[in-house]
Amino acid sequence: MMSQAVYVIWAILLVVVILAVPLLVSLLHRTYRSARNIEQYLEQMYTAGVGIADNTGHIKALESTIETATTILKVAGDINSNAETVKKTMAARAD
């Protein structure tokens, strides 16, 4: 036969479990919701990151265009200089 102390201990443990389980379930649910929110934020961050990467991918092409334009300007300057020389030579021969 169980003594009165055993019944008291069982009663206390039962009350603790009945009070603790809903609290623990609530805390676990809040943790789950927070984890889901973090997951959604990470998904949005990933989408934004992919968009940024796509938009900044054209920077290399722009740098290449600038290099080409710089070369073209140098060649155009050389052509202009040579045209001036030809112009002066033709003017000298015309006199």
N, C-alpha and C. Protein backbone atom coordinates (compact mmCIF):
# COMPACT_ATOMS: atom_id res chain seq x y z
N MET A 1 0.82 -1.17 0.00
CA MET A 1 0.00 0.00 0.00
C MET A 1 0.87 1.25 0.00
N MET A 2 0.42 2.28 -0.71
CA MET A 2 1.19 3.51 -0.81
C MET A 2 0.85 4.43 0.36
N SER A 3 1.86 5.11 0.80
CA SER A 3 1.66 6.01 1.93
C SER A 3 1.09 7.34 1.44
N GLN A 4 0.71 8.14 2.37
CA GLN A 4 0.12 9.46 2.07
C GLN A 4 1.14 10.35 1.37
N ALA A 5 2.42 10.24 1.67
CA ALA A 5 3.48 11.06 1.07
C ALA A 5 3.59 10.79 -0.42
N VAL A 6 3.42 9.54 -0.79
CA VAL A 6 3.49 9.18 -2.22
C VAL A 6 2.35 9.84 -2.97
N TYR A 7 1.15 9.82 -2.40
CA TYR A 7 0.01 10.47 -3.05
C TYR A 7 0.23 11.98 -3.19
N VAL A 8 0.82 12.58 -2.20
CA VAL A 8 1.09 14.02 -2.24
C VAL A 8 2.11 14.32 -3.33
N ILE A 9 3.15 13.52 -3.40
CA ILE A 9 4.19 13.73 -4.43
C ILE A 9 3.59 13.57 -5.82
N TRP A 10 2.77 12.52 -6.00
CA TRP A 10 2.12 12.32 -7.29
C TRP A 10 1.19 13.48 -7.62
N ALA A 11 0.46 13.97 -6.69
CA ALA A 11 -0.45 15.08 -6.91
C ALA A 11 0.33 16.34 -7.31
N ILE A 12 1.43 16.60 -6.62
CA ILE A 12 2.25 17.78 -6.95
C ILE A 12 2.82 17.66 -8.35
N LEU A 13 3.35 16.49 -8.67
CA LEU A 13 3.91 16.28 -10.00
C LEU A 13 2.85 16.40 -11.09
N LEU A 14 1.66 15.90 -10.83
CA LEU A 14 0.55 16.00 -11.78
C LEU A 14 0.19 17.46 -12.03
N VAL A 15 0.11 18.24 -10.97
CA VAL A 15 -0.21 19.67 -11.11
C VAL A 15 0.90 20.38 -11.88
N VAL A 16 2.15 20.09 -11.57
CA VAL A 16 3.27 20.70 -12.28
C VAL A 16 3.22 20.36 -13.76
N VAL A 17 2.96 19.11 -14.08
CA VAL A 17 2.90 18.69 -15.48
C VAL A 17 1.73 19.37 -16.18
N ILE A 18 0.59 19.41 -15.54
CA ILE A 18 -0.60 20.03 -16.16
C ILE A 18 -0.36 21.52 -16.40
N LEU A 19 0.37 22.18 -15.51
CA LEU A 19 0.66 23.60 -15.70
C LEU A 19 1.82 23.83 -16.66
N ALA A 20 2.80 22.95 -16.68
CA ALA A 20 4.01 23.14 -17.48
C ALA A 20 3.79 22.80 -18.95
N VAL A 21 3.01 21.79 -19.25
CA VAL A 21 2.85 21.34 -20.64
C VAL A 21 2.25 22.45 -21.51
N PRO A 22 1.17 23.11 -21.13
CA PRO A 22 0.67 24.18 -22.00
C PRO A 22 1.69 25.31 -22.19
N LEU A 23 2.41 25.64 -21.13
CA LEU A 23 3.43 26.68 -21.24
C LEU A 23 4.53 26.25 -22.22
N LEU A 24 4.97 25.02 -22.11
CA LEU A 24 6.00 24.52 -23.02
C LEU A 24 5.51 24.46 -24.46
N VAL A 25 4.27 24.04 -24.65
CA VAL A 25 3.70 24.00 -26.00
C VAL A 25 3.63 25.41 -26.57
N SER A 26 3.23 26.37 -25.75
CA SER A 26 3.16 27.76 -26.20
C SER A 26 4.55 28.27 -26.58
N LEU A 27 5.54 28.00 -25.78
CA LEU A 27 6.91 28.43 -26.08
C LEU A 27 7.44 27.77 -27.35
N LEU A 28 7.15 26.49 -27.51
CA LEU A 28 7.58 25.80 -28.73
C LEU A 28 6.89 26.38 -29.96
N HIS A 29 5.62 26.73 -29.83
CA HIS A 29 4.89 27.31 -30.95
C HIS A 29 5.48 28.69 -31.32
N ARG A 30 5.79 29.49 -30.31
CA ARG A 30 6.42 30.79 -30.58
C ARG A 30 7.77 30.62 -31.26
N THR A 31 8.53 29.64 -30.83
CA THR A 31 9.83 29.36 -31.44
C THR A 31 9.66 28.94 -32.89
N TYR A 32 8.66 28.10 -33.15
CA TYR A 32 8.39 27.65 -34.52
C TYR A 32 8.00 28.83 -35.41
N ARG A 33 7.12 29.72 -34.91
CA ARG A 33 6.71 30.88 -35.69
C ARG A 33 7.90 31.79 -35.98
N SER A 34 8.75 31.98 -34.99
CA SER A 34 9.94 32.81 -35.19
C SER A 34 10.86 32.19 -36.24
N ALA A 35 11.02 30.90 -36.19
CA ALA A 35 11.87 30.21 -37.17
C ALA A 35 11.29 30.36 -38.57
N ARG A 36 9.98 30.26 -38.70
CA ARG A 36 9.33 30.43 -40.01
C ARG A 36 9.52 31.86 -40.52
N ASN A 37 9.40 32.85 -39.62
CA ASN A 37 9.62 34.24 -40.03
C ASN A 37 11.05 34.45 -40.50
N ILE A 38 12.00 33.87 -39.78
CA ILE A 38 13.40 33.98 -40.19
C ILE A 38 13.59 33.34 -41.55
N GLU A 39 12.96 32.20 -41.77
CA GLU A 39 13.07 31.52 -43.06
C GLU A 39 12.50 32.39 -44.18
N GLN A 40 11.38 33.05 -43.93
CA GLN A 40 10.79 33.93 -44.95
C GLN A 40 11.70 35.13 -45.21
N TYR A 41 12.28 35.70 -44.16
CA TYR A 41 13.19 36.82 -44.34
C TYR A 41 14.41 36.40 -45.15
N LEU A 42 14.93 35.22 -44.87
CA LEU A 42 16.09 34.73 -45.62
C LEU A 42 15.75 34.51 -47.09
N GLU A 43 14.53 34.03 -47.35
CA GLU A 43 14.10 33.84 -48.73
C GLU A 43 14.02 35.19 -49.45
N GLN A 44 13.49 36.21 -48.78
CA GLN A 44 13.42 37.54 -49.37
C GLN A 44 14.82 38.11 -49.59
N MET A 45 15.71 37.87 -48.63
CA MET A 45 17.09 38.34 -48.77
C MET A 45 17.78 37.65 -49.95
N TYR A 46 17.51 36.37 -50.12
CA TYR A 46 18.10 35.63 -51.23
C TYR A 46 17.62 36.20 -52.56
N THR A 47 16.30 36.44 -52.65
CA THR A 47 15.74 37.00 -53.88
C THR A 47 16.34 38.37 -54.17
N ALA A 48 16.47 39.19 -53.15
CA ALA A 48 17.08 40.51 -53.34
C ALA A 48 18.54 40.38 -53.75
N GLY A 49 19.26 39.45 -53.14
CA GLY A 49 20.66 39.24 -53.49
C GLY A 49 20.84 38.79 -54.92
N VAL A 50 19.96 37.91 -55.38
CA VAL A 50 20.04 37.46 -56.78
C VAL A 50 19.76 38.63 -57.71
N GLY A 51 18.78 39.48 -57.36
CA GLY A 51 18.49 40.66 -58.18
C GLY A 51 19.67 41.61 -58.24
N ILE A 52 20.32 41.82 -57.10
CA ILE A 52 21.48 42.70 -57.06
C ILE A 52 22.61 42.12 -57.91
N ALA A 53 22.83 40.82 -57.77
CA ALA A 53 23.88 40.17 -58.56
C ALA A 53 23.61 40.28 -60.05
N ASP A 54 22.34 40.12 -60.43
CA ASP A 54 21.98 40.24 -61.85
C ASP A 54 22.22 41.67 -62.36
N ASN A 55 21.87 42.64 -61.54
CA ASN A 55 22.00 44.02 -61.98
C ASN A 55 23.45 44.51 -61.96
N THR A 56 24.27 43.99 -61.09
CA THR A 56 25.66 44.41 -61.05
C THR A 56 26.54 43.60 -62.00
N GLY A 57 25.97 42.57 -62.60
CA GLY A 57 26.72 41.77 -63.56
C GLY A 57 27.09 42.56 -64.81
N HIS A 58 26.35 43.63 -65.08
CA HIS A 58 26.60 44.44 -66.27
C HIS A 58 27.76 45.42 -66.07
N ILE A 59 28.24 45.54 -64.86
CA ILE A 59 29.34 46.47 -64.59
C ILE A 59 30.59 46.06 -65.37
N LYS A 60 30.85 44.76 -65.46
CA LYS A 60 32.01 44.28 -66.22
C LYS A 60 31.89 44.70 -67.68
N ALA A 61 30.68 44.58 -68.25
CA ALA A 61 30.48 44.98 -69.64
C ALA A 61 30.70 46.49 -69.79
N LEU A 62 30.25 47.26 -68.82
CA LEU A 62 30.45 48.71 -68.88
C LEU A 62 31.93 49.06 -68.79
N GLU A 63 32.66 48.37 -67.93
CA GLU A 63 34.11 48.61 -67.83
C GLU A 63 34.81 48.29 -69.14
N SER A 64 34.38 47.20 -69.79
CA SER A 64 34.94 46.84 -71.08
C SER A 64 34.62 47.90 -72.12
N THR A 65 33.40 48.42 -72.08
CA THR A 65 33.01 49.48 -73.02
C THR A 65 33.84 50.74 -72.79
N ILE A 66 34.09 51.08 -71.53
CA ILE A 66 34.90 52.25 -71.22
C ILE A 66 36.33 52.07 -71.74
N GLU A 67 36.89 50.89 -71.57
CA GLU A 67 38.24 50.62 -72.08
C GLU A 67 38.28 50.77 -73.60
N THR A 68 37.27 50.22 -74.26
CA THR A 68 37.20 50.30 -75.72
C THR A 68 37.04 51.75 -76.16
N ALA A 69 36.18 52.49 -75.46
CA ALA A 69 35.97 53.90 -75.82
C ALA A 69 37.25 54.71 -75.62
N THR A 70 38.00 54.41 -74.58
CA THR A 70 39.27 55.11 -74.34
C THR A 70 40.24 54.84 -75.49
N THR A 71 40.29 53.60 -75.95
CA THR A 71 41.15 53.25 -77.09
C THR A 71 40.68 53.96 -78.35
N ILE A 72 39.37 54.00 -78.56
CA ILE A 72 38.83 54.67 -79.74
C ILE A 72 39.16 56.16 -79.72
N LEU A 73 39.04 56.78 -78.53
CA LEU A 73 39.37 58.21 -78.43
C LEU A 73 40.84 58.46 -78.73
N LYS A 74 41.72 57.58 -78.28
CA LYS A 74 43.15 57.74 -78.57
C LYS A 74 43.40 57.62 -80.06
N VAL A 75 42.78 56.62 -80.69
CA VAL A 75 42.96 56.44 -82.13
C VAL A 75 42.37 57.63 -82.89
N ALA A 76 41.21 58.11 -82.42
CA ALA A 76 40.60 59.28 -83.08
C ALA A 76 41.50 60.49 -82.96
N GLY A 77 42.14 60.66 -81.82
CA GLY A 77 43.09 61.76 -81.66
C GLY A 77 44.27 61.62 -82.61
N ASP A 78 44.77 60.39 -82.77
CA ASP A 78 45.87 60.16 -83.71
C ASP A 78 45.43 60.45 -85.15
N ILE A 79 44.21 60.04 -85.48
CA ILE A 79 43.68 60.31 -86.83
C ILE A 79 43.55 61.82 -87.04
N ASN A 80 43.06 62.51 -86.04
CA ASN A 80 42.91 63.96 -86.15
C ASN A 80 44.27 64.63 -86.34
N SER A 81 45.27 64.15 -85.59
CA SER A 81 46.63 64.70 -85.72
C SER A 81 47.17 64.44 -87.12
N ASN A 82 46.98 63.23 -87.62
CA ASN A 82 47.45 62.91 -88.98
C ASN A 82 46.68 63.72 -90.02
N ALA A 83 45.41 63.94 -89.79
CA ALA A 83 44.63 64.74 -90.74
C ALA A 83 45.13 66.17 -90.78
N GLU A 84 45.52 66.70 -89.62
CA GLU A 84 46.08 68.05 -89.58
C GLU A 84 47.39 68.10 -90.36
N THR A 85 48.21 67.07 -90.23
CA THR A 85 49.48 67.01 -90.97
C THR A 85 49.22 66.97 -92.47
N VAL A 86 48.25 66.13 -92.88
CA VAL A 86 47.91 66.04 -94.30
C VAL A 86 47.38 67.39 -94.78
N LYS A 87 46.56 68.04 -93.98
CA LYS A 87 45.98 69.33 -94.34
C LYS A 87 47.08 70.37 -94.55
N LYS A 88 48.05 70.40 -93.62
CA LYS A 88 49.15 71.36 -93.73
C LYS A 88 50.02 71.06 -94.95
N THR A 89 50.27 69.76 -95.19
CA THR A 89 51.08 69.37 -96.34
C THR A 89 50.39 69.75 -97.64
N MET A 90 49.09 69.51 -97.73
CA MET A 90 48.33 69.83 -98.93
C MET A 90 48.27 71.34 -99.14
N ALA A 91 48.14 72.08 -98.02
CA ALA A 91 48.09 73.54 -98.13
C ALA A 91 49.45 74.09 -98.60
N ALA A 92 50.54 73.45 -98.10
CA ALA A 92 51.88 73.89 -98.50
C ALA A 92 52.12 73.61 -99.98
N ARG A 93 51.64 72.51 -100.49
CA ARG A 93 51.83 72.15 -101.90
C ARG A 93 50.93 72.99 -102.79
N ALA A 94 49.81 73.42 -102.24
CA ALA A 94 48.88 74.23 -103.04
C ALA A 94 49.46 75.63 -103.26
N ASP A 95 50.30 76.10 -102.41
CA ASP A 95 50.87 77.45 -102.54
C ASP A 95 51.94 77.50 -103.55
